[in-house]
Amino acid sequence: MTGTLHKQRKVQVQWDAKEYFRCLGKRNFGLQEPFEASMLQGFPPIKLSQYLLPADAARGGVIANPFVVTDIKNRVILWFLPGVFTPSRQVSIQIMIAFGEASLIFYRMPLGRRQMA
């Protein structure tokens, strides 16, 4: 089943993304229920069901049209672009990323170890 976004292609959360990341901090690793509850209260998640047509939402519709999620200051948080990358293209991207990571590791090695590889 395929749903469509109701009347708009933009979804806006009612919070500031920079403030979210500031509150999240660098050392948040999950399993901190009070912290996670306060984050959910201060930065509520997107309720995409309100953007689906009622008939599609009632049937558990899937959003198949592209849309953008922005924060309250119009900063893009997410682009949803279904079908942009075919499965074979996704595999090619994953291979290139793995190749790039391997190259970075190789060039960070001391010179003596590179010659042995």
PDB file of N, CA and C in Angstrom:
ATOM      1  N   MET A   1       0.826  -1.179   0.000  1.00  0.00           N
ATOM      2  CA  MET A   1       0.000   0.000   0.000  1.00  0.00           C
ATOM      3  C   MET A   1       0.877   1.252   0.000  1.00  0.00           C
ATOM      4  N   THR A   2       0.469   2.225  -0.689  1.00  0.00           N
ATOM      5  CA  THR A   2       1.248   3.459  -0.777  1.00  0.00           C
ATOM      6  C   THR A   2       0.400   4.630  -0.321  1.00  0.00           C
ATOM      7  N   GLY A   3       0.961   5.445   0.552  1.00  0.00           N
ATOM      8  CA  GLY A   3       0.278   6.647   1.007  1.00  0.00           C
ATOM      9  C   GLY A   3       0.923   7.861   0.377  1.00  0.00           C
ATOM     10  N   THR A   4       0.253   8.972   0.465  1.00  0.00           N
ATOM     11  CA  THR A   4       0.824  10.219  -0.027  1.00  0.00           C
ATOM     12  C   THR A   4       0.792  11.251   1.081  1.00  0.00           C
ATOM     13  N   LEU A   5       1.745  12.136   1.084  1.00  0.00           N
ATOM     14  CA  LEU A   5       1.751  13.208   2.069  1.00  0.00           C
ATOM     15  C   LEU A   5       0.619  14.169   1.752  1.00  0.00           C
ATOM     16  N   HIS A   6      -0.082  14.548   2.759  1.00  0.00           N
ATOM     17  CA  HIS A   6      -1.260  15.402   2.597  1.00  0.00           C
ATOM     18  C   HIS A   6      -0.856  16.850   2.346  1.00  0.00           C
ATOM     19  N   LYS A   7      -1.107  17.361   1.166  1.00  0.00           N
ATOM     20  CA  LYS A   7      -0.993  18.763   0.750  1.00  0.00           C
ATOM     21  C   LYS A   7       0.413  19.369   0.770  1.00  0.00           C
ATOM     22  N   GLN A   8       1.355  18.783   1.449  1.00  0.00           N
ATOM     23  CA  GLN A   8       2.653  19.436   1.502  1.00  0.00           C
ATOM     24  C   GLN A   8       3.785  18.426   1.416  1.00  0.00           C
ATOM     25  N   ARG A   9       4.937  18.897   1.042  1.00  0.00           N
ATOM     26  CA  ARG A   9       6.126  18.068   0.926  1.00  0.00           C
ATOM     27  C   ARG A   9       7.145  18.437   1.998  1.00  0.00           C
ATOM     28  N   LYS A  10       6.733  19.250   2.964  1.00  0.00           N
ATOM     29  CA  LYS A  10       7.631  19.688   4.015  1.00  0.00           C
ATOM     30  C   LYS A  10       6.995  19.392   5.369  1.00  0.00           C
ATOM     31  N   VAL A  11       7.780  18.784   6.243  1.00  0.00           N
ATOM     32  CA  VAL A  11       7.357  18.492   7.603  1.00  0.00           C
ATOM     33  C   VAL A  11       8.282  19.280   8.511  1.00  0.00           C
ATOM     34  N   GLN A  12       7.720  20.025   9.452  1.00  0.00           N
ATOM     35  CA  GLN A  12       8.552  20.832  10.328  1.00  0.00           C
ATOM     36  C   GLN A  12       8.348  20.425  11.780  1.00  0.00           C
ATOM     37  N   VAL A  13       9.466  20.088  12.444  1.00  0.00           N
ATOM     38  CA  VAL A  13       9.405  19.830  13.878  1.00  0.00           C
ATOM     39  C   VAL A  13       9.403  21.179  14.591  1.00  0.00           C
ATOM     40  N   GLN A  14       8.905  21.201  15.804  1.00  0.00           N
ATOM     41  CA  GLN A  14       8.764  22.458  16.529  1.00  0.00           C
ATOM     42  C   GLN A  14       9.890  22.676  17.536  1.00  0.00           C
ATOM     43  N   TRP A  15      11.089  22.285  17.141  1.00  0.00           N
ATOM     44  CA  TRP A  15      12.260  22.504  17.983  1.00  0.00           C
ATOM     45  C   TRP A  15      13.474  22.815  17.116  1.00  0.00           C
ATOM     46  N   ASP A  16      14.521  23.307  17.771  1.00  0.00           N
ATOM     47  CA  ASP A  16      15.757  23.740  17.108  1.00  0.00           C
ATOM     48  C   ASP A  16      16.752  22.578  17.078  1.00  0.00           C
ATOM     49  N   ALA A  17      17.196  22.190  15.903  1.00  0.00           N
ATOM     50  CA  ALA A  17      18.112  21.054  15.762  1.00  0.00           C
ATOM     51  C   ALA A  17      19.447  21.295  16.470  1.00  0.00           C
ATOM     52  N   LYS A  18      19.959  22.513  16.422  1.00  0.00           N
ATOM     53  CA  LYS A  18      21.228  22.799  17.108  1.00  0.00           C
ATOM     54  C   LYS A  18      21.070  22.636  18.619  1.00  0.00           C
ATOM     55  N   GLU A  19      19.955  23.069  19.148  1.00  0.00           N
ATOM     56  CA  GLU A  19      19.690  22.914  20.578  1.00  0.00           C
ATOM     57  C   GLU A  19      19.564  21.432  20.933  1.00  0.00           C
ATOM     58  N   TYR A  20      18.945  20.664  20.055  1.00  0.00           N
ATOM     59  CA  TYR A  20      18.822  19.213  20.263  1.00  0.00           C
ATOM     60  C   TYR A  20      20.198  18.572  20.397  1.00  0.00           C
ATOM     61  N   PHE A  21      21.092  18.877  19.468  1.00  0.00           N
ATOM     62  CA  PHE A  21      22.422  18.281  19.507  1.00  0.00           C
ATOM     63  C   PHE A  21      23.236  18.782  20.698  1.00  0.00           C
ATOM     64  N   ARG A  22      23.014  20.024  21.097  1.00  0.00           N
ATOM     65  CA  ARG A  22      23.696  20.544  22.282  1.00  0.00           C
ATOM     66  C   ARG A  22      23.243  19.763  23.524  1.00  0.00           C
ATOM     67  N   CYS A  23      21.948  19.539  23.652  1.00  0.00           N
ATOM     68  CA  CYS A  23      21.403  18.791  24.788  1.00  0.00           C
ATOM     69  C   CYS A  23      21.798  17.321  24.739  1.00  0.00           C
ATOM     70  N   LEU A  24      21.875  16.783  23.537  1.00  0.00           N
ATOM     71  CA  LEU A  24      22.239  15.375  23.380  1.00  0.00           C
ATOM     72  C   LEU A  24      23.641  15.116  23.900  1.00  0.00           C
ATOM     73  N   GLY A  25      24.564  16.010  23.599  1.00  0.00           N
ATOM     74  CA  GLY A  25      25.925  15.875  24.100  1.00  0.00           C
ATOM     75  C   GLY A  25      26.724  14.827  23.347  1.00  0.00           C
ATOM     76  N   LYS A  26      28.000  14.774  23.628  1.00  0.00           N
ATOM     77  CA  LYS A  26      28.906  13.867  22.924  1.00  0.00           C
ATOM     78  C   LYS A  26      28.961  12.476  23.538  1.00  0.00           C
ATOM     79  N   ARG A  27      28.570  12.351  24.787  1.00  0.00           N
ATOM     80  CA  ARG A  27      28.744  11.071  25.471  1.00  0.00           C
ATOM     81  C   ARG A  27      27.436  10.338  25.737  1.00  0.00           C
ATOM     82  N   ASN A  28      26.392  10.679  25.068  1.00  0.00           N
ATOM     83  CA  ASN A  28      25.133   9.977  25.256  1.00  0.00           C
ATOM     84  C   ASN A  28      25.206   8.644  24.537  1.00  0.00           C
ATOM     85  N   PHE A  29      25.030   7.565  25.273  1.00  0.00           N
ATOM     86  CA  PHE A  29      25.138   6.238  24.681  1.00  0.00           C
ATOM     87  C   PHE A  29      23.900   5.386  24.937  1.00  0.00           C
ATOM     88  N   GLY A  30      22.791   6.016  25.291  1.00  0.00           N
ATOM     89  CA  GLY A  30      21.562   5.277  25.524  1.00  0.00           C
ATOM     90  C   GLY A  30      21.525   4.683  26.918  1.00  0.00           C
ATOM     91  N   LEU A  31      20.485   3.936  27.209  1.00  0.00           N
ATOM     92  CA  LEU A  31      20.285   3.286  28.499  1.00  0.00           C
ATOM     93  C   LEU A  31      20.256   4.276  29.656  1.00  0.00           C
ATOM     94  N   GLN A  32      19.789   5.477  29.397  1.00  0.00           N
ATOM     95  CA  GLN A  32      19.662   6.518  30.420  1.00  0.00           C
ATOM     96  C   GLN A  32      18.218   6.996  30.396  1.00  0.00           C
ATOM     97  N   GLU A  33      17.327   6.209  30.991  1.00  0.00           N
ATOM     98  CA  GLU A  33      15.890   6.449  30.862  1.00  0.00           C
ATOM     99  C   GLU A  33      15.438   7.853  31.264  1.00  0.00           C
ATOM    100  N   PRO A  34      15.881   8.397  32.400  1.00  0.00           N
ATOM    101  CA  PRO A  34      15.428   9.762  32.739  1.00  0.00           C
ATOM    102  C   PRO A  34      15.875  10.805  31.698  1.00  0.00           C
ATOM    103  N   PHE A  35      17.105  10.670  31.228  1.00  0.00           N
ATOM    104  CA  PHE A  35      17.614  11.588  30.210  1.00  0.00           C
ATOM    105  C   PHE A  35      16.816  11.452  28.919  1.00  0.00           C
ATOM    106  N   GLU A  36      16.579  10.212  28.491  1.00  0.00           N
ATOM    107  CA  GLU A  36      15.839   9.975  27.255  1.00  0.00           C
ATOM    108  C   GLU A  36      14.409  10.498  27.360  1.00  0.00           C
ATOM    109  N   ALA A  37      13.792  10.345  28.528  1.00  0.00           N
ATOM    110  CA  ALA A  37      12.425  10.856  28.722  1.00  0.00           C
ATOM    111  C   ALA A  37      12.403  12.378  28.623  1.00  0.00           C
ATOM    112  N   SER A  38      13.410  13.034  29.204  1.00  0.00           N
ATOM    113  CA  SER A  38      13.442  14.499  29.123  1.00  0.00           C
ATOM    114  C   SER A  38      13.699  14.963  27.690  1.00  0.00           C
ATOM    115  N   MET A  39      14.520  14.215  26.939  1.00  0.00           N
ATOM    116  CA  MET A  39      14.759  14.562  25.532  1.00  0.00           C
ATOM    117  C   MET A  39      13.472  14.406  24.715  1.00  0.00           C
ATOM    118  N   LEU A  40      12.728  13.339  24.967  1.00  0.00           N
ATOM    119  CA  LEU A  40      11.462  13.140  24.249  1.00  0.00           C
ATOM    120  C   LEU A  40      10.460  14.238  24.568  1.00  0.00           C
ATOM    121  N   GLN A  41      10.459  14.697  25.804  1.00  0.00           N
ATOM    122  CA  GLN A  41       9.534  15.764  26.180  1.00  0.00           C
ATOM    123  C   GLN A  41       9.942  17.091  25.544  1.00  0.00           C
ATOM    124  N   GLY A  42      11.238  17.386  25.543  1.00  0.00           N
ATOM    125  CA  GLY A  42      11.710  18.649  24.983  1.00  0.00           C
ATOM    126  C   GLY A  42      11.783  18.668  23.469  1.00  0.00           C
ATOM    127  N   PHE A  43      11.962  17.485  22.872  1.00  0.00           N
ATOM    128  CA  PHE A  43      12.125  17.375  21.420  1.00  0.00           C
ATOM    129  C   PHE A  43      11.248  16.218  20.919  1.00  0.00           C
ATOM    130  N   PRO A  44       9.933  16.433  20.870  1.00  0.00           N
ATOM    131  CA  PRO A  44       9.034  15.345  20.473  1.00  0.00           C
ATOM    132  C   PRO A  44       9.302  14.871  19.049  1.00  0.00           C
ATOM    133  N   PRO A  45       9.148  13.565  18.830  1.00  0.00           N
ATOM    134  CA  PRO A  45       9.396  13.014  17.488  1.00  0.00           C
ATOM    135  C   PRO A  45       8.338  13.464  16.478  1.00  0.00           C
ATOM    136  N   ILE A  46       8.641  13.256  15.240  1.00  0.00           N
ATOM    137  CA  ILE A  46       7.726  13.605  14.145  1.00  0.00           C
ATOM    138  C   ILE A  46       6.590  12.593  14.122  1.00  0.00           C
ATOM    139  N   LYS A  47       5.391  13.072  13.967  1.00  0.00           N
ATOM    140  CA  LYS A  47       4.224  12.201  13.832  1.00  0.00           C
ATOM    141  C   LYS A  47       3.792  12.235  12.374  1.00  0.00           C
ATOM    142  N   LEU A  48       4.437  11.408  11.563  1.00  0.00           N
ATOM    143  CA  LEU A  48       4.154  11.433  10.125  1.00  0.00           C
ATOM    144  C   LEU A  48       2.730  11.003   9.811  1.00  0.00           C
ATOM    145  N   SER A  49       2.094  10.277  10.704  1.00  0.00           N
ATOM    146  CA  SER A  49       0.724   9.827  10.419  1.00  0.00           C
ATOM    147  C   SER A  49      -0.216  11.013  10.184  1.00  0.00           C
ATOM    148  N   GLN A  50       0.065  12.161  10.770  1.00  0.00           N
ATOM    149  CA  GLN A  50      -0.801  13.326  10.557  1.00  0.00           C
ATOM    150  C   GLN A  50      -0.641  13.913   9.157  1.00  0.00           C
ATOM    151  N   TYR A  51       0.396  13.501   8.445  1.00  0.00           N
ATOM    152  CA  TYR A  51       0.606  14.003   7.087  1.00  0.00           C
ATOM    153  C   TYR A  51       0.101  13.033   6.023  1.00  0.00           C
ATOM    154  N   LEU A  52      -0.340  11.851   6.445  1.00  0.00           N
ATOM    155  CA  LEU A  52      -0.903  10.894   5.499  1.00  0.00           C
ATOM    156  C   LEU A  52      -2.375  11.205   5.269  1.00  0.00           C
ATOM    157  N   LEU A  53      -2.836  10.858   4.101  1.00  0.00           N
ATOM    158  CA  LEU A  53      -4.270  10.938   3.861  1.00  0.00           C
ATOM    159  C   LEU A  53      -4.957   9.960   4.808  1.00  0.00           C
ATOM    160  N   PRO A  54      -6.113  10.304   5.362  1.00  0.00           N
ATOM    161  CA  PRO A  54      -6.766   9.442   6.356  1.00  0.00           C
ATOM    162  C   PRO A  54      -6.983   8.002   5.896  1.00  0.00           C
ATOM    163  N   ALA A  55      -7.375   7.811   4.663  1.00  0.00           N
ATOM    164  CA  ALA A  55      -7.624   6.451   4.176  1.00  0.00           C
ATOM    165  C   ALA A  55      -6.341   5.631   4.162  1.00  0.00           C
ATOM    166  N   ASP A  56      -5.231   6.241   3.749  1.00  0.00           N
ATOM    167  CA  ASP A  56      -3.960   5.525   3.716  1.00  0.00           C
ATOM    168  C   ASP A  56      -3.441   5.258   5.118  1.00  0.00           C
ATOM    169  N   ALA A  57      -3.603   6.227   6.022  1.00  0.00           N
ATOM    170  CA  ALA A  57      -3.145   6.057   7.401  1.00  0.00           C
ATOM    171  C   ALA A  57      -3.917   4.933   8.083  1.00  0.00           C
ATOM    172  N   ALA A  58      -5.207   4.857   7.836  1.00  0.00           N
ATOM    173  CA  ALA A  58      -6.041   3.817   8.441  1.00  0.00           C
ATOM    174  C   ALA A  58      -5.628   2.425   7.974  1.00  0.00           C
ATOM    175  N   ARG A  59      -5.115   2.337   6.777  1.00  0.00           N
ATOM    176  CA  ARG A  59      -4.672   1.048   6.238  1.00  0.00           C
ATOM    177  C   ARG A  59      -3.196   0.784   6.524  1.00  0.00           C
ATOM    178  N   GLY A  60      -2.554   1.636   7.325  1.00  0.00           N
ATOM    179  CA  GLY A  60      -1.128   1.437   7.599  1.00  0.00           C
ATOM    180  C   GLY A  60      -0.285   1.800   6.399  1.00  0.00           C
ATOM    181  N   GLY A  61      -0.683   2.833   5.681  1.00  0.00           N
ATOM    182  CA  GLY A  61      -0.017   3.235   4.447  1.00  0.00           C
ATOM    183  C   GLY A  61       1.454   3.545   4.608  1.00  0.00           C
ATOM    184  N   VAL A  62       2.163   3.393   3.537  1.00  0.00           N
ATOM    185  CA  VAL A  62       3.589   3.685   3.477  1.00  0.00           C
ATOM    186  C   VAL A  62       3.771   4.970   2.682  1.00  0.00           C
ATOM    187  N   ILE A  63       4.577   5.882   3.179  1.00  0.00           N
ATOM    188  CA  ILE A  63       4.833   7.126   2.457  1.00  0.00           C
ATOM    189  C   ILE A  63       5.789   6.828   1.309  1.00  0.00           C
ATOM    190  N   ALA A  64       5.355   7.129   0.112  1.00  0.00           N
ATOM    191  CA  ALA A  64       6.164   6.827  -1.062  1.00  0.00           C
ATOM    192  C   ALA A  64       6.605   8.078  -1.811  1.00  0.00           C
ATOM    193  N   ASN A  65       6.186   9.241  -1.356  1.00  0.00           N
ATOM    194  CA  ASN A  65       6.554  10.486  -2.024  1.00  0.00           C
ATOM    195  C   ASN A  65       7.681  11.170  -1.264  1.00  0.00           C
ATOM    196  N   PRO A  66       8.570  11.856  -1.966  1.00  0.00           N
ATOM    197  CA  PRO A  66       9.669  12.552  -1.281  1.00  0.00           C
ATOM    198  C   PRO A  66       9.160  13.715  -0.432  1.00  0.00           C
ATOM    199  N   PHE A  67       9.881  13.972   0.654  1.00  0.00           N
ATOM    200  CA  PHE A  67       9.579  15.128   1.489  1.00  0.00           C
ATOM    201  C   PHE A  67      10.823  15.529   2.268  1.00  0.00           C
ATOM    202  N   VAL A  68      10.753  16.686   2.891  1.00  0.00           N
ATOM    203  CA  VAL A  68      11.860  17.240   3.653  1.00  0.00           C
ATOM    204  C   VAL A  68      11.381  17.495   5.079  1.00  0.00           C
ATOM    205  N   VAL A  69      12.229  17.180   6.049  1.00  0.00           N
ATOM    206  CA  VAL A  69      11.942  17.512   7.446  1.00  0.00           C
ATOM    207  C   VAL A  69      12.881  18.643   7.837  1.00  0.00           C
ATOM    208  N   THR A  70      12.310  19.721   8.383  1.00  0.00           N
ATOM    209  CA  THR A  70      13.111  20.865   8.830  1.00  0.00           C
ATOM    210  C   THR A  70      12.836  21.137  10.304  1.00  0.00           C
ATOM    211  N   ASP A  71      13.774  21.866  10.930  1.00  0.00           N
ATOM    212  CA  ASP A  71      13.543  22.286  12.309  1.00  0.00           C
ATOM    213  C   ASP A  71      12.800  23.614  12.310  1.00  0.00           C
ATOM    214  N   ILE A  72      12.581  24.171  13.483  1.00  0.00           N
ATOM    215  CA  ILE A  72      11.791  25.395  13.614  1.00  0.00           C
ATOM    216  C   ILE A  72      12.454  26.601  12.949  1.00  0.00           C
ATOM    217  N   LYS A  73      13.764  26.505  12.699  1.00  0.00           N
ATOM    218  CA  LYS A  73      14.483  27.591  12.025  1.00  0.00           C
ATOM    219  C   LYS A  73      14.727  27.274  10.543  1.00  0.00           C
ATOM    220  N   ASN A  74      13.977  26.319  10.031  1.00  0.00           N
ATOM    221  CA  ASN A  74      14.030  25.909   8.622  1.00  0.00           C
ATOM    222  C   ASN A  74      15.338  25.225   8.222  1.00  0.00           C
ATOM    223  N   ARG A  75      16.074  24.677   9.153  1.00  0.00           N
ATOM    224  CA  ARG A  75      17.268  23.889   8.826  1.00  0.00           C
ATOM    225  C   ARG A  75      16.827  22.495   8.425  1.00  0.00           C
ATOM    226  N   VAL A  76      17.373  21.973   7.342  1.00  0.00           N
ATOM    227  CA  VAL A  76      17.003  20.639   6.880  1.00  0.00           C
ATOM    228  C   VAL A  76      17.607  19.603   7.820  1.00  0.00           C
ATOM    229  N   ILE A  77      16.753  18.728   8.322  1.00  0.00           N
ATOM    230  CA  ILE A  77      17.177  17.621   9.185  1.00  0.00           C
ATOM    231  C   ILE A  77      17.242  16.343   8.370  1.00  0.00           C
ATOM    232  N   LEU A  78      16.311  16.184   7.439  1.00  0.00           N
ATOM    233  CA  LEU A  78      16.191  14.931   6.703  1.00  0.00           C
ATOM    234  C   LEU A  78      15.567  15.184   5.337  1.00  0.00           C
ATOM    235  N   TRP A  79      16.124  14.546   4.344  1.00  0.00           N
ATOM    236  CA  TRP A  79      15.480  14.458   3.028  1.00  0.00           C
ATOM    237  C   TRP A  79      15.047  13.022   2.872  1.00  0.00           C
ATOM    238  N   PHE A  80      13.784  12.796   2.608  1.00  0.00           N
ATOM    239  CA  PHE A  80      13.277  11.451   2.363  1.00  0.00           C
ATOM    240  C   PHE A  80      13.050  11.333   0.868  1.00  0.00           C
ATOM    241  N   LEU A  81      13.842  10.511   0.215  1.00  0.00           N
ATOM    242  CA  LEU A  81      13.814  10.398  -1.242  1.00  0.00           C
ATOM    243  C   LEU A  81      13.667   8.929  -1.642  1.00  0.00           C
ATOM    244  N   PRO A  82      12.472   8.376  -1.510  1.00  0.00           N
ATOM    245  CA  PRO A  82      12.291   6.957  -1.821  1.00  0.00           C
ATOM    246  C   PRO A  82      12.552   6.652  -3.288  1.00  0.00           C
ATOM    247  N   GLY A  83      13.224   5.554  -3.522  1.00  0.00           N
ATOM    248  CA  GLY A  83      13.476   5.097  -4.883  1.00  0.00           C
ATOM    249  C   GLY A  83      14.579   5.813  -5.626  1.00  0.00           C
ATOM    250  N   VAL A  84      15.297   6.722  -4.967  1.00  0.00           N
ATOM    251  CA  VAL A  84      16.359   7.455  -5.651  1.00  0.00           C
ATOM    252  C   VAL A  84      17.512   6.514  -6.006  1.00  0.00           C
ATOM    253  N   PHE A  85      17.862   5.652  -5.055  1.00  0.00           N
ATOM    254  CA  PHE A  85      18.955   4.716  -5.299  1.00  0.00           C
ATOM    255  C   PHE A  85      18.389   3.320  -5.490  1.00  0.00           C
ATOM    256  N   THR A  86      18.667   2.718  -6.631  1.00  0.00           N
ATOM    257  CA  THR A  86      18.258   1.345  -6.867  1.00  0.00           C
ATOM    258  C   THR A  86      19.080   0.437  -5.950  1.00  0.00           C
ATOM    259  N   PRO A  87      18.632  -0.796  -5.708  1.00  0.00           N
ATOM    260  CA  PRO A  87      19.421  -1.701  -4.860  1.00  0.00           C
ATOM    261  C   PRO A  87      20.855  -1.885  -5.355  1.00  0.00           C
ATOM    262  N   SER A  88      21.062  -1.984  -6.670  1.00  0.00           N
ATOM    263  CA  SER A  88      22.426  -2.174  -7.177  1.00  0.00           C
ATOM    264  C   SER A  88      23.273  -0.924  -6.948  1.00  0.00           C
ATOM    265  N   ARG A  89      22.648   0.247  -7.041  1.00  0.00           N
ATOM    266  CA  ARG A  89      23.386   1.491  -6.781  1.00  0.00           C
ATOM    267  C   ARG A  89      23.769   1.585  -5.303  1.00  0.00           C
ATOM    268  N   GLN A  90      22.877   1.141  -4.418  1.00  0.00           N
ATOM    269  CA  GLN A  90      23.180   1.138  -2.992  1.00  0.00           C
ATOM    270  C   GLN A  90      24.376   0.238  -2.696  1.00  0.00           C
ATOM    271  N   VAL A  91      24.437  -0.924  -3.344  1.00  0.00           N
ATOM    272  CA  VAL A  91      25.575  -1.831  -3.166  1.00  0.00           C
ATOM    273  C   VAL A  91      26.851  -1.164  -3.657  1.00  0.00           C
ATOM    274  N   SER A  92      26.798  -0.494  -4.800  1.00  0.00           N
ATOM    275  CA  SER A  92      27.978   0.200  -5.337  1.00  0.00           C
ATOM    276  C   SER A  92      28.469   1.264  -4.359  1.00  0.00           C
ATOM    277  N   ILE A  93      27.547   2.001  -3.770  1.00  0.00           N
ATOM    278  CA  ILE A  93      27.916   3.033  -2.798  1.00  0.00           C
ATOM    279  C   ILE A  93      28.577   2.399  -1.584  1.00  0.00           C
ATOM    280  N   GLN A  94      28.002   1.295  -1.091  1.00  0.00           N
ATOM    281  CA  GLN A  94      28.588   0.615   0.064  1.00  0.00           C
ATOM    282  C   GLN A  94      29.998   0.113  -0.239  1.00  0.00           C
ATOM    283  N   ILE A  95      30.215  -0.411  -1.438  1.00  0.00           N
ATOM    284  CA  ILE A  95      31.547  -0.891  -1.831  1.00  0.00           C
ATOM    285  C   ILE A  95      32.530   0.268  -1.879  1.00  0.00           C
ATOM    286  N   MET A  96      32.126   1.387  -2.456  1.00  0.00           N
ATOM    287  CA  MET A  96      33.018   2.541  -2.544  1.00  0.00           C
ATOM    288  C   MET A  96      33.345   3.103  -1.164  1.00  0.00           C
ATOM    289  N   ILE A  97      32.377   3.100  -0.269  1.00  0.00           N
ATOM    290  CA  ILE A  97      32.634   3.567   1.104  1.00  0.00           C
ATOM    291  C   ILE A  97      33.639   2.643   1.778  1.00  0.00           C
ATOM    292  N   ALA A  98      33.434   1.334   1.647  1.00  0.00           N
ATOM    293  CA  ALA A  98      34.368   0.370   2.249  1.00  0.00           C
ATOM    294  C   ALA A  98      35.764   0.531   1.655  1.00  0.00           C
ATOM    295  N   PHE A  99      35.849   0.725   0.346  1.00  0.00           N
ATOM    296  CA  PHE A  99      37.143   0.917  -0.312  1.00  0.00           C
ATOM    297  C   PHE A  99      37.813   2.190   0.207  1.00  0.00           C
ATOM    298  N   GLY A 100      37.035   3.261   0.351  1.00  0.00           N
ATOM    299  CA  GLY A 100      37.578   4.519   0.860  1.00  0.00           C
ATOM    300  C   GLY A 100      38.076   4.387   2.286  1.00  0.00           C
ATOM    301  N   GLU A 101      37.328   3.667   3.125  1.00  0.00           N
ATOM    302  CA  GLU A 101      37.763   3.458   4.511  1.00  0.00           C
ATOM    303  C   GLU A 101      39.049   2.646   4.554  1.00  0.00           C
ATOM    304  N   ALA A 102      39.136   1.617   3.718  1.00  0.00           N
ATOM    305  CA  ALA A 102      40.348   0.800   3.680  1.00  0.00           C
ATOM    306  C   ALA A 102      41.541   1.638   3.230  1.00  0.00           C
ATOM    307  N   SER A 103      41.331   2.510   2.272  1.00  0.00           N
ATOM    308  CA  SER A 103      42.416   3.372   1.794  1.00  0.00           C
ATOM    309  C   SER A 103      42.883   4.317   2.889  1.00  0.00           C
ATOM    310  N   LEU A 104      41.940   4.878   3.653  1.00  0.00           N
ATOM    311  CA  LEU A 104      42.310   5.773   4.745  1.00  0.00           C
ATOM    312  C   LEU A 104      43.138   5.045   5.801  1.00  0.00           C
ATOM    313  N   ILE A 105      42.739   3.824   6.131  1.00  0.00           N
ATOM    314  CA  ILE A 105      43.488   3.037   7.114  1.00  0.00           C
ATOM    315  C   ILE A 105      44.889   2.755   6.584  1.00  0.00           C
ATOM    316  N   PHE A 106      45.003   2.381   5.314  1.00  0.00           N
ATOM    317  CA  PHE A 106      46.296   2.060   4.705  1.00  0.00           C
ATOM    318  C   PHE A 106      47.236   3.262   4.759  1.00  0.00           C
ATOM    319  N   TYR A 107      46.738   4.431   4.416  1.00  0.00           N
ATOM    320  CA  TYR A 107      47.603   5.606   4.372  1.00  0.00           C
ATOM    321  C   TYR A 107      47.911   6.189   5.747  1.00  0.00           C
ATOM    322  N   ARG A 108      47.219   5.756   6.778  1.00  0.00           N
ATOM    323  CA  ARG A 108      47.529   6.190   8.138  1.00  0.00           C
ATOM    324  C   ARG A 108      48.603   5.304   8.775  1.00  0.00           C
ATOM    325  N   MET A 109      48.880   4.164   8.163  1.00  0.00           N
ATOM    326  CA  MET A 109      49.877   3.252   8.711  1.00  0.00           C
ATOM    327  C   MET A 109      51.268   3.874   8.585  1.00  0.00           C
ATOM    328  N   PRO A 110      52.154   3.510   9.534  1.00  0.00           N
ATOM    329  CA  PRO A 110      53.553   3.933   9.394  1.00  0.00           C
ATOM    330  C   PRO A 110      54.117   3.369   8.095  1.00  0.00           C
ATOM    331  N   LEU A 111      55.091   4.025   7.544  1.00  0.00           N
ATOM    332  CA  LEU A 111      55.633   3.669   6.233  1.00  0.00           C
ATOM    333  C   LEU A 111      56.079   2.218   6.174  1.00  0.00           C
ATOM    334  N   GLY A 112      56.741   1.710   7.189  1.00  0.00           N
ATOM    335  CA  GLY A 112      57.214   0.322   7.182  1.00  0.00           C
ATOM    336  C   GLY A 112      56.097  -0.683   7.045  1.00  0.00           C
ATOM    337  N   ARG A 113      54.994  -0.445   7.702  1.00  0.00           N
ATOM    338  CA  ARG A 113      53.848  -1.372   7.624  1.00  0.00           C
ATOM    339  C   ARG A 113      53.184  -1.292   6.259  1.00  0.00           C
ATOM    340  N   ARG A 114      53.197  -0.139   5.621  1.00  0.00           N
ATOM    341  CA  ARG A 114      52.581  -0.013   4.291  1.00  0.00           C
ATOM    342  C   ARG A 114      53.325  -0.855   3.280  1.00  0.00           C
ATOM    343  N   GLN A 115      54.623  -0.917   3.396  1.00  0.00           N
ATOM    344  CA  GLN A 115      55.404  -1.684   2.425  1.00  0.00           C
ATOM    345  C   GLN A 115      55.140  -3.172   2.558  1.00  0.00           C
ATOM    346  N   MET A 116      54.789  -3.623   3.758  1.00  0.00           N
ATOM    347  CA  MET A 116      54.528  -5.048   3.974  1.00  0.00           C
ATOM    348  C   MET A 116      53.144  -5.446   3.471  1.00  0.00           C
ATOM    349  N   ALA A 117      52.235  -4.512   3.330  1.00  0.00           N
ATOM    350  CA  ALA A 117      50.866  -4.844   2.965  1.00  0.00           C
ATOM    351  C   ALA A 117      50.754  -5.297   1.545  1.00  0.00           C
TER     352      ALA A 117
END
